[in-house]
Protein backbone atom coordinates (compact mmCIF):
# COMPACT_ATOMS: atom_id res chain seq x y z
CA UNK A 1 0.00 0.00 0.00
CA UNK A 2 1.38 3.38 -1.02
CA UNK A 3 0.43 5.03 2.26
CA UNK A 4 2.61 2.57 4.11
CA UNK A 5 5.41 3.14 1.60
CA UNK A 6 5.60 6.87 2.37
CA UNK A 7 5.96 6.01 6.05
CA UNK A 8 8.99 3.83 5.45
CA UNK A 9 10.88 5.60 2.70
CA UNK A 10 11.31 9.00 1.10
CA UNK A 11 10.80 8.19 -2.57
CA UNK A 12 9.17 10.76 -4.78
CA UNK A 13 7.48 8.09 -6.90
CA UNK A 14 5.30 7.10 -3.94
CA UNK A 15 4.06 10.66 -3.53
CA UNK A 16 3.55 10.92 -7.27
CA UNK A 17 1.55 7.67 -7.26
CA UNK A 18 -0.59 8.89 -4.38
CA UNK A 19 -1.29 12.15 -6.22
CA UNK A 20 -2.36 10.07 -9.22
CA UNK A 21 -4.47 7.74 -7.07
CA UNK A 22 -6.22 10.70 -5.49
CA UNK A 23 -7.59 11.63 -8.92
CA UNK A 24 -9.03 8.11 -9.32
CA UNK A 25 -10.17 7.28 -5.78
CA UNK A 26 -11.84 9.08 -2.93
CA UNK A 27 -8.82 10.04 -0.85
CA UNK A 28 -11.18 10.90 2.01
CA UNK A 29 -11.68 7.14 2.32
CA UNK A 30 -7.95 6.47 2.75
CA UNK A 31 -8.15 6.53 6.57
CA UNK A 32 -10.89 3.88 6.39
CA UNK A 33 -8.78 1.69 4.10
CA UNK A 34 -5.78 2.23 6.37
CA UNK A 35 -7.76 1.14 9.43
CA UNK A 36 -8.89 -2.03 7.67
CA UNK A 37 -5.42 -3.00 6.48
CA UNK A 38 -3.45 -1.75 9.51
CA UNK A 39 -5.92 -1.83 12.42
CA UNK A 40 -3.21 -1.35 15.05
CA UNK A 41 -1.50 1.57 13.32
CA UNK A 42 -2.40 5.19 13.75
CA UNK A 43 -3.14 6.99 10.44
CA UNK A 44 -1.25 10.02 11.71
CA UNK A 45 1.99 8.37 10.54
CA UNK A 46 1.12 8.61 6.86
CA UNK A 47 -0.48 12.03 7.26
CA UNK A 48 2.79 13.32 8.76
CA UNK A 49 4.81 11.56 6.04
CA UNK A 50 2.69 13.17 3.34
CA UNK A 51 3.13 16.57 4.95
CA UNK A 52 6.89 16.29 4.38
CA UNK A 53 6.65 16.12 0.58
CA UNK A 54 8.68 19.30 0.24
CA UNK A 55 11.77 17.53 1.58
CA UNK A 56 11.55 14.54 -0.76
CA UNK A 57 14.14 14.50 -3.54
CA UNK A 58 12.55 14.86 -6.95
CA UNK A 59 13.35 12.26 -9.61
CA UNK A 60 12.35 12.26 -13.26
CA UNK A 61 9.37 10.02 -13.95
CA UNK A 62 8.15 8.60 -17.22
CA UNK A 63 4.47 9.21 -16.57
CA UNK A 64 2.33 11.74 -18.36
CA UNK A 65 -0.62 12.70 -16.16
CA UNK A 66 0.45 14.55 -13.00
CA UNK A 67 3.99 15.41 -14.09
CA UNK A 68 4.93 18.69 -12.55
CA UNK A 69 6.36 18.53 -9.03
CA UNK A 70 4.42 21.65 -8.08
CA UNK A 71 1.16 19.96 -9.07
CA UNK A 72 2.06 16.82 -7.13
CA UNK A 73 2.95 18.86 -4.04
CA UNK A 74 -0.26 20.89 -4.33
CA UNK A 75 -2.37 17.72 -4.53
CA UNK A 76 -0.56 16.09 -1.59
CA UNK A 77 -0.85 19.23 0.55
CA UNK A 78 -4.58 19.44 -0.23
CA UNK A 79 -4.98 15.79 0.83
CA UNK A 80 -3.10 16.44 4.09
CA UNK A 81 -5.25 19.48 4.81
CA UNK A 82 -8.52 17.66 4.06
CA UNK A 83 -7.62 14.50 5.99
CA UNK A 84 -6.24 16.48 8.94
CA UNK A 85 -9.37 18.62 9.08
CA UNK A 86 -11.68 15.62 8.99
CA UNK A 87 -9.59 13.83 11.63
CA UNK A 88 -9.83 16.85 13.94
CA UNK A 89 -13.60 16.99 13.45
CA UNK A 90 -13.87 13.29 14.31
CA UNK A 91 -11.96 13.81 17.54
CA UNK A 92 -14.29 16.48 18.91
C-alpha atoms as a PDB file:
ATOM      1  CA  UNK A   1       0.000   0.000   0.000  1.00  0.00           C
ATOM      2  CA  UNK A   2       1.381   3.384  -1.021  1.00  0.00           C
ATOM      3  CA  UNK A   3       0.434   5.026   2.263  1.00  0.00           C
ATOM      4  CA  UNK A   4       2.607   2.566   4.114  1.00  0.00           C
ATOM      5  CA  UNK A   5       5.407   3.140   1.599  1.00  0.00           C
ATOM      6  CA  UNK A   6       5.598   6.866   2.369  1.00  0.00           C
ATOM      7  CA  UNK A   7       5.960   6.014   6.047  1.00  0.00           C
ATOM      8  CA  UNK A   8       8.994   3.832   5.447  1.00  0.00           C
ATOM      9  CA  UNK A   9      10.883   5.598   2.702  1.00  0.00           C
ATOM     10  CA  UNK A  10      11.313   9.002   1.095  1.00  0.00           C
ATOM     11  CA  UNK A  11      10.801   8.187  -2.569  1.00  0.00           C
ATOM     12  CA  UNK A  12       9.166  10.757  -4.777  1.00  0.00           C
ATOM     13  CA  UNK A  13       7.483   8.095  -6.896  1.00  0.00           C
ATOM     14  CA  UNK A  14       5.299   7.100  -3.941  1.00  0.00           C
ATOM     15  CA  UNK A  15       4.059  10.665  -3.531  1.00  0.00           C
ATOM     16  CA  UNK A  16       3.554  10.917  -7.272  1.00  0.00           C
ATOM     17  CA  UNK A  17       1.550   7.667  -7.259  1.00  0.00           C
ATOM     18  CA  UNK A  18      -0.593   8.895  -4.376  1.00  0.00           C
ATOM     19  CA  UNK A  19      -1.293  12.146  -6.218  1.00  0.00           C
ATOM     20  CA  UNK A  20      -2.358  10.068  -9.220  1.00  0.00           C
ATOM     21  CA  UNK A  21      -4.471   7.736  -7.070  1.00  0.00           C
ATOM     22  CA  UNK A  22      -6.223  10.699  -5.495  1.00  0.00           C
ATOM     23  CA  UNK A  23      -7.590  11.625  -8.920  1.00  0.00           C
ATOM     24  CA  UNK A  24      -9.025   8.108  -9.320  1.00  0.00           C
ATOM     25  CA  UNK A  25     -10.173   7.278  -5.783  1.00  0.00           C
ATOM     26  CA  UNK A  26     -11.842   9.081  -2.932  1.00  0.00           C
ATOM     27  CA  UNK A  27      -8.821  10.043  -0.847  1.00  0.00           C
ATOM     28  CA  UNK A  28     -11.181  10.901   2.009  1.00  0.00           C
ATOM     29  CA  UNK A  29     -11.677   7.139   2.322  1.00  0.00           C
ATOM     30  CA  UNK A  30      -7.953   6.465   2.753  1.00  0.00           C
ATOM     31  CA  UNK A  31      -8.154   6.528   6.573  1.00  0.00           C
ATOM     32  CA  UNK A  32     -10.894   3.883   6.391  1.00  0.00           C
ATOM     33  CA  UNK A  33      -8.785   1.694   4.103  1.00  0.00           C
ATOM     34  CA  UNK A  34      -5.776   2.225   6.365  1.00  0.00           C
ATOM     35  CA  UNK A  35      -7.759   1.139   9.431  1.00  0.00           C
ATOM     36  CA  UNK A  36      -8.893  -2.034   7.671  1.00  0.00           C
ATOM     37  CA  UNK A  37      -5.424  -3.004   6.483  1.00  0.00           C
ATOM     38  CA  UNK A  38      -3.452  -1.754   9.505  1.00  0.00           C
ATOM     39  CA  UNK A  39      -5.924  -1.827  12.418  1.00  0.00           C
ATOM     40  CA  UNK A  40      -3.215  -1.346  15.053  1.00  0.00           C
ATOM     41  CA  UNK A  41      -1.495   1.573  13.317  1.00  0.00           C
ATOM     42  CA  UNK A  42      -2.403   5.195  13.749  1.00  0.00           C
ATOM     43  CA  UNK A  43      -3.136   6.989  10.440  1.00  0.00           C
ATOM     44  CA  UNK A  44      -1.245  10.022  11.712  1.00  0.00           C
ATOM     45  CA  UNK A  45       1.988   8.367  10.541  1.00  0.00           C
ATOM     46  CA  UNK A  46       1.117   8.610   6.861  1.00  0.00           C
ATOM     47  CA  UNK A  47      -0.479  12.026   7.264  1.00  0.00           C
ATOM     48  CA  UNK A  48       2.789  13.317   8.756  1.00  0.00           C
ATOM     49  CA  UNK A  49       4.812  11.557   6.039  1.00  0.00           C
ATOM     50  CA  UNK A  50       2.686  13.165   3.337  1.00  0.00           C
ATOM     51  CA  UNK A  51       3.128  16.566   4.949  1.00  0.00           C
ATOM     52  CA  UNK A  52       6.893  16.291   4.380  1.00  0.00           C
ATOM     53  CA  UNK A  53       6.654  16.117   0.583  1.00  0.00           C
ATOM     54  CA  UNK A  54       8.682  19.303   0.242  1.00  0.00           C
ATOM     55  CA  UNK A  55      11.768  17.533   1.584  1.00  0.00           C
ATOM     56  CA  UNK A  56      11.546  14.542  -0.764  1.00  0.00           C
ATOM     57  CA  UNK A  57      14.138  14.498  -3.537  1.00  0.00           C
ATOM     58  CA  UNK A  58      12.549  14.857  -6.953  1.00  0.00           C
ATOM     59  CA  UNK A  59      13.354  12.262  -9.607  1.00  0.00           C
ATOM     60  CA  UNK A  60      12.348  12.263 -13.264  1.00  0.00           C
ATOM     61  CA  UNK A  61       9.369  10.025 -13.946  1.00  0.00           C
ATOM     62  CA  UNK A  62       8.149   8.598 -17.225  1.00  0.00           C
ATOM     63  CA  UNK A  63       4.473   9.210 -16.570  1.00  0.00           C
ATOM     64  CA  UNK A  64       2.325  11.738 -18.360  1.00  0.00           C
ATOM     65  CA  UNK A  65      -0.616  12.701 -16.162  1.00  0.00           C
ATOM     66  CA  UNK A  66       0.446  14.551 -12.997  1.00  0.00           C
ATOM     67  CA  UNK A  67       3.986  15.408 -14.086  1.00  0.00           C
ATOM     68  CA  UNK A  68       4.927  18.686 -12.549  1.00  0.00           C
ATOM     69  CA  UNK A  69       6.357  18.534  -9.028  1.00  0.00           C
ATOM     70  CA  UNK A  70       4.418  21.650  -8.076  1.00  0.00           C
ATOM     71  CA  UNK A  71       1.161  19.958  -9.072  1.00  0.00           C
ATOM     72  CA  UNK A  72       2.056  16.820  -7.128  1.00  0.00           C
ATOM     73  CA  UNK A  73       2.951  18.861  -4.043  1.00  0.00           C
ATOM     74  CA  UNK A  74      -0.258  20.886  -4.333  1.00  0.00           C
ATOM     75  CA  UNK A  75      -2.370  17.722  -4.527  1.00  0.00           C
ATOM     76  CA  UNK A  76      -0.564  16.092  -1.591  1.00  0.00           C
ATOM     77  CA  UNK A  77      -0.851  19.233   0.554  1.00  0.00           C
ATOM     78  CA  UNK A  78      -4.583  19.436  -0.228  1.00  0.00           C
ATOM     79  CA  UNK A  79      -4.983  15.787   0.828  1.00  0.00           C
ATOM     80  CA  UNK A  80      -3.104  16.439   4.091  1.00  0.00           C
ATOM     81  CA  UNK A  81      -5.251  19.482   4.807  1.00  0.00           C
ATOM     82  CA  UNK A  82      -8.517  17.659   4.064  1.00  0.00           C
ATOM     83  CA  UNK A  83      -7.620  14.500   5.990  1.00  0.00           C
ATOM     84  CA  UNK A  84      -6.240  16.480   8.936  1.00  0.00           C
ATOM     85  CA  UNK A  85      -9.371  18.624   9.083  1.00  0.00           C
ATOM     86  CA  UNK A  86     -11.676  15.622   8.987  1.00  0.00           C
ATOM     87  CA  UNK A  87      -9.587  13.830  11.627  1.00  0.00           C
ATOM     88  CA  UNK A  88      -9.829  16.845  13.940  1.00  0.00           C
ATOM     89  CA  UNK A  89     -13.599  16.992  13.453  1.00  0.00           C
ATOM     90  CA  UNK A  90     -13.868  13.293  14.309  1.00  0.00           C
ATOM     91  CA  UNK A  91     -11.962  13.811  17.538  1.00  0.00           C
ATOM     92  CA  UNK A  92     -14.285  16.484  18.915  1.00  0.00           C
END
